[in-house]
Amino acid sequence: MLIGIFSACLQKQPVNDVPDKLKKTMQQFLEQSAQGNTTGTQFTVEEVAYYAGPDFYECEFTVRMKRLSGGDTTGQMQARIKKDYSSVSRKY
């Protein structure tokens, strides 16, 4: 019994990778949306703050936008992402 308790204490806790998965999902969404974008804008998701709802994540992203013709800016985008990361609904 003592061995079971000791080995349970040694098990590593899984790394919380939710923020990374949210950023990756949003990055893919923006890249797919940009395929029809004729302005040549590239998006880079830099940060995310989120709230975990029952079936979704309510997210606010910091996104860097760079135009291929020059110039860049950083802005905020909000989106709701399903917990299985299968759907993104962008608010702004």
PDB file of N, CA and C in Angstrom:
ATOM      1  N   MET A   1       0.829  -1.182   0.000  1.00  0.00           N
ATOM      2  CA  MET A   1       0.000   0.000   0.000  1.00  0.00           C
ATOM      3  C   MET A   1       0.880   1.255   0.000  1.00  0.00           C
ATOM      4  N   LEU A   2       1.933   1.205   0.765  1.00  0.00           N
ATOM      5  CA  LEU A   2       2.839   2.348   0.830  1.00  0.00           C
ATOM      6  C   LEU A   2       3.484   2.622  -0.532  1.00  0.00           C
ATOM      7  N   ILE A   3       3.768   1.553  -1.262  1.00  0.00           N
ATOM      8  CA  ILE A   3       4.352   1.710  -2.595  1.00  0.00           C
ATOM      9  C   ILE A   3       3.354   2.396  -3.530  1.00  0.00           C
ATOM     10  N   GLY A   4       2.082   2.045  -3.439  1.00  0.00           N
ATOM     11  CA  GLY A   4       1.046   2.667  -4.276  1.00  0.00           C
ATOM     12  C   GLY A   4       0.919   4.151  -3.994  1.00  0.00           C
ATOM     13  N   ILE A   5       0.943   4.533  -2.754  1.00  0.00           N
ATOM     14  CA  ILE A   5       0.852   5.955  -2.390  1.00  0.00           C
ATOM     15  C   ILE A   5       2.088   6.697  -2.878  1.00  0.00           C
ATOM     16  N   PHE A   6       3.259   6.076  -2.688  1.00  0.00           N
ATOM     17  CA  PHE A   6       4.510   6.703  -3.099  1.00  0.00           C
ATOM     18  C   PHE A   6       4.555   6.889  -4.617  1.00  0.00           C
ATOM     19  N   SER A   7       4.145   5.861  -5.376  1.00  0.00           N
ATOM     20  CA  SER A   7       4.194   5.969  -6.837  1.00  0.00           C
ATOM     21  C   SER A   7       3.168   6.985  -7.341  1.00  0.00           C
ATOM     22  N   ALA A   8       2.025   7.126  -6.674  1.00  0.00           N
ATOM     23  CA  ALA A   8       1.034   8.123  -7.066  1.00  0.00           C
ATOM     24  C   ALA A   8       1.586   9.531  -6.885  1.00  0.00           C
ATOM     25  N   CYS A   9       2.389   9.724  -5.873  1.00  0.00           N
ATOM     26  CA  CYS A   9       2.993  11.036  -5.631  1.00  0.00           C
ATOM     27  C   CYS A   9       4.047  11.371  -6.678  1.00  0.00           C
ATOM     28  N   LEU A  10       4.683  10.364  -7.236  1.00  0.00           N
ATOM     29  CA  LEU A  10       5.738  10.594  -8.219  1.00  0.00           C
ATOM     30  C   LEU A  10       5.208  10.831  -9.632  1.00  0.00           C
ATOM     31  N   GLN A  11       3.959  10.506  -9.898  1.00  0.00           N
ATOM     32  CA  GLN A  11       3.404  10.692 -11.235  1.00  0.00           C
ATOM     33  C   GLN A  11       3.348  12.173 -11.568  1.00  0.00           C
ATOM     34  N   LYS A  12       3.771  12.491 -12.769  1.00  0.00           N
ATOM     35  CA  LYS A  12       3.758  13.878 -13.198  1.00  0.00           C
ATOM     36  C   LYS A  12       2.346  14.271 -13.627  1.00  0.00           C
ATOM     37  N   GLN A  13       1.987  15.480 -13.278  1.00  0.00           N
ATOM     38  CA  GLN A  13       0.706  16.014 -13.704  1.00  0.00           C
ATOM     39  C   GLN A  13       0.813  16.410 -15.175  1.00  0.00           C
ATOM     40  N   PRO A  14      -0.237  16.207 -15.970  1.00  0.00           N
ATOM     41  CA  PRO A  14      -0.175  16.597 -17.378  1.00  0.00           C
ATOM     42  C   PRO A  14      -0.026  18.112 -17.502  1.00  0.00           C
ATOM     43  N   VAL A  15       0.716  18.522 -18.513  1.00  0.00           N
ATOM     44  CA  VAL A  15       0.933  19.942 -18.753  1.00  0.00           C
ATOM     45  C   VAL A  15      -0.358  20.544 -19.294  1.00  0.00           C
ATOM     46  N   ASN A  16      -0.732  21.693 -18.767  1.00  0.00           N
ATOM     47  CA  ASN A  16      -1.940  22.376 -19.236  1.00  0.00           C
ATOM     48  C   ASN A  16      -1.608  23.043 -20.562  1.00  0.00           C
ATOM     49  N   ASP A  17      -2.058  22.420 -21.641  1.00  0.00           N
ATOM     50  CA  ASP A  17      -1.752  22.940 -22.961  1.00  0.00           C
ATOM     51  C   ASP A  17      -2.955  23.602 -23.625  1.00  0.00           C
ATOM     52  N   VAL A  18      -3.973  23.933 -22.858  1.00  0.00           N
ATOM     53  CA  VAL A  18      -5.159  24.580 -23.416  1.00  0.00           C
ATOM     54  C   VAL A  18      -4.810  25.897 -24.112  1.00  0.00           C
ATOM     55  N   PRO A  19      -4.027  26.791 -23.505  1.00  0.00           N
ATOM     56  CA  PRO A  19      -3.709  28.041 -24.210  1.00  0.00           C
ATOM     57  C   PRO A  19      -3.013  27.804 -25.552  1.00  0.00           C
ATOM     58  N   ASP A  20      -2.100  26.847 -25.605  1.00  0.00           N
ATOM     59  CA  ASP A  20      -1.417  26.552 -26.864  1.00  0.00           C
ATOM     60  C   ASP A  20      -2.380  26.005 -27.914  1.00  0.00           C
ATOM     61  N   LYS A  21      -3.293  25.128 -27.495  1.00  0.00           N
ATOM     62  CA  LYS A  21      -4.272  24.577 -28.432  1.00  0.00           C
ATOM     63  C   LYS A  21      -5.223  25.667 -28.925  1.00  0.00           C
ATOM     64  N   LEU A  22      -5.619  26.578 -28.041  1.00  0.00           N
ATOM     65  CA  LEU A  22      -6.492  27.676 -28.445  1.00  0.00           C
ATOM     66  C   LEU A  22      -5.792  28.580 -29.455  1.00  0.00           C
ATOM     67  N   LYS A  23      -4.534  28.913 -29.192  1.00  0.00           N
ATOM     68  CA  LYS A  23      -3.786  29.761 -30.123  1.00  0.00           C
ATOM     69  C   LYS A  23      -3.608  29.065 -31.475  1.00  0.00           C
ATOM     70  N   LYS A  24      -3.317  27.793 -31.456  1.00  0.00           N
ATOM     71  CA  LYS A  24      -3.130  27.036 -32.702  1.00  0.00           C
ATOM     72  C   LYS A  24      -4.442  26.970 -33.488  1.00  0.00           C
ATOM     73  N   THR A  25      -5.548  26.735 -32.795  1.00  0.00           N
ATOM     74  CA  THR A  25      -6.853  26.661 -33.456  1.00  0.00           C
ATOM     75  C   THR A  25      -7.216  28.000 -34.089  1.00  0.00           C
ATOM     76  N   MET A  26      -6.992  29.092 -33.364  1.00  0.00           N
ATOM     77  CA  MET A  26      -7.284  30.421 -33.899  1.00  0.00           C
ATOM     78  C   MET A  26      -6.363  30.746 -35.068  1.00  0.00           C
ATOM     79  N   GLN A  27      -5.094  30.374 -34.970  1.00  0.00           N
ATOM     80  CA  GLN A  27      -4.145  30.610 -36.063  1.00  0.00           C
ATOM     81  C   GLN A  27      -4.613  29.903 -37.326  1.00  0.00           C
ATOM     82  N   GLN A  28      -5.036  28.648 -37.208  1.00  0.00           N
ATOM     83  CA  GLN A  28      -5.537  27.899 -38.360  1.00  0.00           C
ATOM     84  C   GLN A  28      -6.797  28.551 -38.931  1.00  0.00           C
ATOM     85  N   PHE A  29      -7.682  28.999 -38.052  1.00  0.00           N
ATOM     86  CA  PHE A  29      -8.907  29.669 -38.497  1.00  0.00           C
ATOM     87  C   PHE A  29      -8.572  30.931 -39.298  1.00  0.00           C
ATOM     88  N   LEU A  30      -7.639  31.731 -38.798  1.00  0.00           N
ATOM     89  CA  LEU A  30      -7.269  32.965 -39.494  1.00  0.00           C
ATOM     90  C   LEU A  30      -6.578  32.675 -40.818  1.00  0.00           C
ATOM     91  N   GLU A  31      -5.753  31.643 -40.863  1.00  0.00           N
ATOM     92  CA  GLU A  31      -5.081  31.285 -42.109  1.00  0.00           C
ATOM     93  C   GLU A  31      -6.080  30.812 -43.153  1.00  0.00           C
ATOM     94  N   GLN A  32      -7.080  30.027 -42.735  1.00  0.00           N
ATOM     95  CA  GLN A  32      -8.110  29.565 -43.670  1.00  0.00           C
ATOM     96  C   GLN A  32      -8.958  30.735 -44.145  1.00  0.00           C
ATOM     97  N   SER A  33      -9.273  31.659 -43.243  1.00  0.00           N
ATOM     98  CA  SER A  33     -10.062  32.832 -43.606  1.00  0.00           C
ATOM     99  C   SER A  33      -9.284  33.740 -44.553  1.00  0.00           C
ATOM    100  N   ALA A  34      -7.968  33.766 -44.416  1.00  0.00           N
ATOM    101  CA  ALA A  34      -7.131  34.657 -45.212  1.00  0.00           C
ATOM    102  C   ALA A  34      -6.882  34.121 -46.621  1.00  0.00           C
ATOM    103  N   GLN A  35      -7.271  32.894 -46.917  1.00  0.00           N
ATOM    104  CA  GLN A  35      -7.034  32.344 -48.249  1.00  0.00           C
ATOM    105  C   GLN A  35      -7.743  33.163 -49.320  1.00  0.00           C
ATOM    106  N   GLY A  36      -8.897  33.712 -49.005  1.00  0.00           N
ATOM    107  CA  GLY A  36      -9.614  34.557 -49.945  1.00  0.00           C
ATOM    108  C   GLY A  36      -9.283  36.026 -49.754  1.00  0.00           C
ATOM    109  N   ASN A  37      -8.309  36.315 -48.908  1.00  0.00           N
ATOM    110  CA  ASN A  37      -7.926  37.678 -48.572  1.00  0.00           C
ATOM    111  C   ASN A  37      -7.016  38.224 -49.665  1.00  0.00           C
ATOM    112  N   THR A  38      -7.469  39.236 -50.371  1.00  0.00           N
ATOM    113  CA  THR A  38      -6.683  39.802 -51.459  1.00  0.00           C
ATOM    114  C   THR A  38      -5.753  40.908 -50.994  1.00  0.00           C
ATOM    115  N   THR A  39      -5.827  41.306 -49.715  1.00  0.00           N
ATOM    116  CA  THR A  39      -4.947  42.366 -49.218  1.00  0.00           C
ATOM    117  C   THR A  39      -3.587  41.834 -48.800  1.00  0.00           C
ATOM    118  N   GLY A  40      -3.410  40.534 -48.764  1.00  0.00           N
ATOM    119  CA  GLY A  40      -2.119  39.957 -48.404  1.00  0.00           C
ATOM    120  C   GLY A  40      -1.740  40.168 -46.962  1.00  0.00           C
ATOM    121  N   THR A  41      -2.673  39.964 -46.054  1.00  0.00           N
ATOM    122  CA  THR A  41      -2.415  40.141 -44.632  1.00  0.00           C
ATOM    123  C   THR A  41      -2.038  38.815 -44.003  1.00  0.00           C
ATOM    124  N   GLN A  42      -0.973  38.828 -43.205  1.00  0.00           N
ATOM    125  CA  GLN A  42      -0.562  37.655 -42.445  1.00  0.00           C
ATOM    126  C   GLN A  42      -0.918  37.878 -40.981  1.00  0.00           C
ATOM    127  N   PHE A  43      -1.389  36.832 -40.328  1.00  0.00           N
ATOM    128  CA  PHE A  43      -1.794  36.913 -38.929  1.00  0.00           C
ATOM    129  C   PHE A  43      -0.889  36.032 -38.077  1.00  0.00           C
ATOM    130  N   THR A  44      -0.534  36.522 -36.884  1.00  0.00           N
ATOM    131  CA  THR A  44       0.207  35.741 -35.904  1.00  0.00           C
ATOM    132  C   THR A  44      -0.481  35.909 -34.557  1.00  0.00           C
ATOM    133  N   VAL A  45      -0.998  34.809 -34.015  1.00  0.00           N
ATOM    134  CA  VAL A  45      -1.653  34.835 -32.709  1.00  0.00           C
ATOM    135  C   VAL A  45      -0.555  34.822 -31.653  1.00  0.00           C
ATOM    136  N   GLU A  46      -0.502  35.868 -30.836  1.00  0.00           N
ATOM    137  CA  GLU A  46       0.568  36.007 -29.854  1.00  0.00           C
ATOM    138  C   GLU A  46       0.167  35.587 -28.444  1.00  0.00           C
ATOM    139  N   GLU A  47      -1.027  35.955 -28.005  1.00  0.00           N
ATOM    140  CA  GLU A  47      -1.462  35.652 -26.639  1.00  0.00           C
ATOM    141  C   GLU A  47      -2.935  35.307 -26.629  1.00  0.00           C
ATOM    142  N   VAL A  48      -3.360  34.628 -25.569  1.00  0.00           N
ATOM    143  CA  VAL A  48      -4.781  34.336 -25.382  1.00  0.00           C
ATOM    144  C   VAL A  48      -5.126  34.413 -23.903  1.00  0.00           C
ATOM    145  N   ALA A  49      -6.283  34.996 -23.640  1.00  0.00           N
ATOM    146  CA  ALA A  49      -6.907  34.950 -22.313  1.00  0.00           C
ATOM    147  C   ALA A  49      -8.248  34.261 -22.548  1.00  0.00           C
ATOM    148  N   TYR A  50      -8.626  33.355 -21.656  1.00  0.00           N
ATOM    149  CA  TYR A  50      -9.842  32.590 -21.925  1.00  0.00           C
ATOM    150  C   TYR A  50     -10.600  32.246 -20.649  1.00  0.00           C
ATOM    151  N   TYR A  51     -11.884  31.972 -20.865  1.00  0.00           N
ATOM    152  CA  TYR A  51     -12.772  31.477 -19.822  1.00  0.00           C
ATOM    153  C   TYR A  51     -13.316  30.145 -20.319  1.00  0.00           C
ATOM    154  N   ALA A  52     -13.274  29.118 -19.498  1.00  0.00           N
ATOM    155  CA  ALA A  52     -13.774  27.805 -19.878  1.00  0.00           C
ATOM    156  C   ALA A  52     -15.239  27.688 -19.489  1.00  0.00           C
ATOM    157  N   GLY A  53     -16.119  27.706 -20.477  1.00  0.00           N
ATOM    158  CA  GLY A  53     -17.540  27.482 -20.256  1.00  0.00           C
ATOM    159  C   GLY A  53     -17.830  25.993 -20.266  1.00  0.00           C
ATOM    160  N   PRO A  54     -19.113  25.620 -20.218  1.00  0.00           N
ATOM    161  CA  PRO A  54     -19.443  24.196 -20.173  1.00  0.00           C
ATOM    162  C   PRO A  54     -19.078  23.429 -21.445  1.00  0.00           C
ATOM    163  N   ASP A  55     -19.246  24.052 -22.615  1.00  0.00           N
ATOM    164  CA  ASP A  55     -18.986  23.375 -23.886  1.00  0.00           C
ATOM    165  C   ASP A  55     -18.023  24.137 -24.787  1.00  0.00           C
ATOM    166  N   PHE A  56     -17.503  25.239 -24.311  1.00  0.00           N
ATOM    167  CA  PHE A  56     -16.710  26.111 -25.163  1.00  0.00           C
ATOM    168  C   PHE A  56     -15.701  26.901 -24.333  1.00  0.00           C
ATOM    169  N   TYR A  57     -14.782  27.535 -25.043  1.00  0.00           N
ATOM    170  CA  TYR A  57     -13.860  28.499 -24.438  1.00  0.00           C
ATOM    171  C   TYR A  57     -14.209  29.872 -25.005  1.00  0.00           C
ATOM    172  N   GLU A  58     -14.397  30.827 -24.145  1.00  0.00           N
ATOM    173  CA  GLU A  58     -14.600  32.225 -24.530  1.00  0.00           C
ATOM    174  C   GLU A  58     -13.219  32.861 -24.508  1.00  0.00           C
ATOM    175  N   CYS A  59     -12.742  33.335 -25.655  1.00  0.00           N
ATOM    176  CA  CYS A  59     -11.342  33.739 -25.780  1.00  0.00           C
ATOM    177  C   CYS A  59     -11.185  35.176 -26.251  1.00  0.00           C
ATOM    178  N   GLU A  60     -10.105  35.789 -25.803  1.00  0.00           N
ATOM    179  CA  GLU A  60      -9.659  37.064 -26.346  1.00  0.00           C
ATOM    180  C   GLU A  60      -8.197  36.895 -26.729  1.00  0.00           C
ATOM    181  N   PHE A  61      -7.914  37.119 -28.007  1.00  0.00           N
ATOM    182  CA  PHE A  61      -6.588  36.913 -28.562  1.00  0.00           C
ATOM    183  C   PHE A  61      -5.910  38.237 -28.859  1.00  0.00           C
ATOM    184  N   THR A  62      -4.612  38.280 -28.664  1.00  0.00           N
ATOM    185  CA  THR A  62      -3.782  39.369 -29.160  1.00  0.00           C
ATOM    186  C   THR A  62      -3.176  38.859 -30.456  1.00  0.00           C
ATOM    187  N   VAL A  63      -3.459  39.571 -31.548  1.00  0.00           N
ATOM    188  CA  VAL A  63      -3.063  39.107 -32.874  1.00  0.00           C
ATOM    189  C   VAL A  63      -2.248  40.189 -33.567  1.00  0.00           C
ATOM    190  N   ARG A  64      -1.121  39.785 -34.118  1.00  0.00           N
ATOM    191  CA  ARG A  64      -0.304  40.698 -34.917  1.00  0.00           C
ATOM    192  C   ARG A  64      -0.688  40.507 -36.378  1.00  0.00           C
ATOM    193  N   MET A  65      -0.987  41.610 -37.026  1.00  0.00           N
ATOM    194  CA  MET A  65      -1.376  41.586 -38.430  1.00  0.00           C
ATOM    195  C   MET A  65      -0.312  42.317 -39.238  1.00  0.00           C
ATOM    196  N   LYS A  66       0.189  41.663 -40.274  1.00  0.00           N
ATOM    197  CA  LYS A  66       1.237  42.244 -41.101  1.00  0.00           C
ATOM    198  C   LYS A  66       0.810  42.172 -42.562  1.00  0.00           C
ATOM    199  N   ARG A  67       0.875  43.306 -43.226  1.00  0.00           N
ATOM    200  CA  ARG A  67       0.553  43.349 -44.655  1.00  0.00           C
ATOM    201  C   ARG A  67       1.819  43.103 -45.447  1.00  0.00           C
ATOM    202  N   LEU A  68       1.696  42.329 -46.495  1.00  0.00           N
ATOM    203  CA  LEU A  68       2.856  42.013 -47.315  1.00  0.00           C
ATOM    204  C   LEU A  68       3.407  43.252 -48.011  1.00  0.00           C
ATOM    205  N   SER A  69       2.544  44.237 -48.226  1.00  0.00           N
ATOM    206  CA  SER A  69       2.976  45.476 -48.872  1.00  0.00           C
ATOM    207  C   SER A  69       3.653  46.427 -47.883  1.00  0.00           C
ATOM    208  N   GLY A  70       3.730  46.044 -46.632  1.00  0.00           N
ATOM    209  CA  GLY A  70       4.373  46.864 -45.607  1.00  0.00           C
ATOM    210  C   GLY A  70       3.376  47.274 -44.541  1.00  0.00           C
ATOM    211  N   GLY A  71       3.874  47.533 -43.367  1.00  0.00           N
ATOM    212  CA  GLY A  71       3.041  47.955 -42.247  1.00  0.00           C
ATOM    213  C   GLY A  71       2.529  46.778 -41.446  1.00  0.00           C
ATOM    214  N   ASP A  72       2.389  47.023 -40.156  1.00  0.00           N
ATOM    215  CA  ASP A  72       1.845  46.001 -39.281  1.00  0.00           C
ATOM    216  C   ASP A  72       1.199  46.667 -38.078  1.00  0.00           C
ATOM    217  N   THR A  73       0.378  45.901 -37.397  1.00  0.00           N
ATOM    218  CA  THR A  73      -0.284  46.385 -36.195  1.00  0.00           C
ATOM    219  C   THR A  73      -0.636  45.190 -35.323  1.00  0.00           C
ATOM    220  N   THR A  74      -0.900  45.449 -34.079  1.00  0.00           N
ATOM    221  CA  THR A  74      -1.343  44.414 -33.154  1.00  0.00           C
ATOM    222  C   THR A  74      -2.719  44.805 -32.648  1.00  0.00           C
ATOM    223  N   GLY A  75      -3.630  43.838 -32.618  1.00  0.00           N
ATOM    224  CA  GLY A  75      -4.989  44.118 -32.182  1.00  0.00           C
ATOM    225  C   GLY A  75      -5.577  42.968 -31.395  1.00  0.00           C
ATOM    226  N   GLN A  76      -6.811  43.155 -30.977  1.00  0.00           N
ATOM    227  CA  GLN A  76      -7.536  42.157 -30.196  1.00  0.00           C
ATOM    228  C   GLN A  76      -8.629  41.527 -31.057  1.00  0.00           C
ATOM    229  N   MET A  77      -8.850  40.242 -30.868  1.00  0.00           N
ATOM    230  CA  MET A  77      -9.942  39.504 -31.498  1.00  0.00           C
ATOM    231  C   MET A  77     -10.578  38.634 -30.432  1.00  0.00           C
ATOM    232  N   GLN A  78     -11.895  38.543 -30.480  1.00  0.00           N
ATOM    233  CA  GLN A  78     -12.602  37.642 -29.572  1.00  0.00           C
ATOM    234  C   GLN A  78     -13.247  36.535 -30.378  1.00  0.00           C
ATOM    235  N   ALA A  79     -13.265  35.349 -29.793  1.00  0.00           N
ATOM    236  CA  ALA A  79     -13.876  34.200 -30.456  1.00  0.00           C
ATOM    237  C   ALA A  79     -14.345  33.201 -29.405  1.00  0.00           C
ATOM    238  N   ARG A  80     -15.272  32.368 -29.822  1.00  0.00           N
ATOM    239  CA  ARG A  80     -15.740  31.249 -29.008  1.00  0.00           C
ATOM    240  C   ARG A  80     -15.291  29.977 -29.712  1.00  0.00           C
ATOM    241  N   ILE A  81     -14.573  29.116 -28.984  1.00  0.00           N
ATOM    242  CA  ILE A  81     -14.042  27.886 -29.552  1.00  0.00           C
ATOM    243  C   ILE A  81     -14.608  26.707 -28.779  1.00  0.00           C
ATOM    244  N   LYS A  82     -15.156  25.728 -29.521  1.00  0.00           N
ATOM    245  CA  LYS A  82     -15.703  24.537 -28.873  1.00  0.00           C
ATOM    246  C   LYS A  82     -14.590  23.795 -28.147  1.00  0.00           C
ATOM    247  N   LYS A  83     -14.957  23.106 -27.084  1.00  0.00           N
ATOM    248  CA  LYS A  83     -13.958  22.417 -26.250  1.00  0.00           C
ATOM    249  C   LYS A  83     -13.215  21.310 -26.999  1.00  0.00           C
ATOM    250  N   ASP A  84     -13.791  20.802 -28.085  1.00  0.00           N
ATOM    251  CA  ASP A  84     -13.064  19.805 -28.884  1.00  0.00           C
ATOM    252  C   ASP A  84     -12.256  20.467 -30.004  1.00  0.00           C
ATOM    253  N   TYR A  85     -12.215  21.806 -30.001  1.00  0.00           N
ATOM    254  CA  TYR A  85     -11.437  22.619 -30.937  1.00  0.00           C
ATOM    255  C   TYR A  85     -11.894  22.459 -32.386  1.00  0.00           C
ATOM    256  N   SER A  86     -13.121  22.015 -32.600  1.00  0.00           N
ATOM    257  CA  SER A  86     -13.612  21.758 -33.957  1.00  0.00           C
ATOM    258  C   SER A  86     -14.287  22.960 -34.601  1.00  0.00           C
ATOM    259  N   SER A  87     -14.613  23.974 -33.817  1.00  0.00           N
ATOM    260  CA  SER A  87     -15.377  25.109 -34.353  1.00  0.00           C
ATOM    261  C   SER A  87     -14.921  26.408 -33.718  1.00  0.00           C
ATOM    262  N   VAL A  88     -14.772  27.433 -34.576  1.00  0.00           N
ATOM    263  CA  VAL A  88     -14.418  28.768 -34.121  1.00  0.00           C
ATOM    264  C   VAL A  88     -15.500  29.725 -34.575  1.00  0.00           C
ATOM    265  N   SER A  89     -16.029  30.491 -33.652  1.00  0.00           N
ATOM    266  CA  SER A  89     -17.012  31.526 -33.975  1.00  0.00           C
ATOM    267  C   SER A  89     -16.429  32.862 -33.538  1.00  0.00           C
ATOM    268  N   ARG A  90     -15.966  33.622 -34.514  1.00  0.00           N
ATOM    269  CA  ARG A  90     -15.299  34.892 -34.207  1.00  0.00           C
ATOM    270  C   ARG A  90     -16.328  35.970 -33.920  1.00  0.00           C
ATOM    271  N   LYS A  91     -16.106  36.726 -32.849  1.00  0.00           N
ATOM    272  CA  LYS A  91     -17.003  37.807 -32.477  1.00  0.00           C
ATOM    273  C   LYS A  91     -16.549  39.114 -33.110  1.00  0.00           C
ATOM    274  N   TYR A  92     -15.292  39.460 -32.946  1.00  0.00           N
ATOM    275  CA  TYR A  92     -14.681  40.622 -33.610  1.00  0.00           C
ATOM    276  C   TYR A  92     -13.198  40.422 -33.686  1.00  0.00           C
TER     277      TYR A  92
END
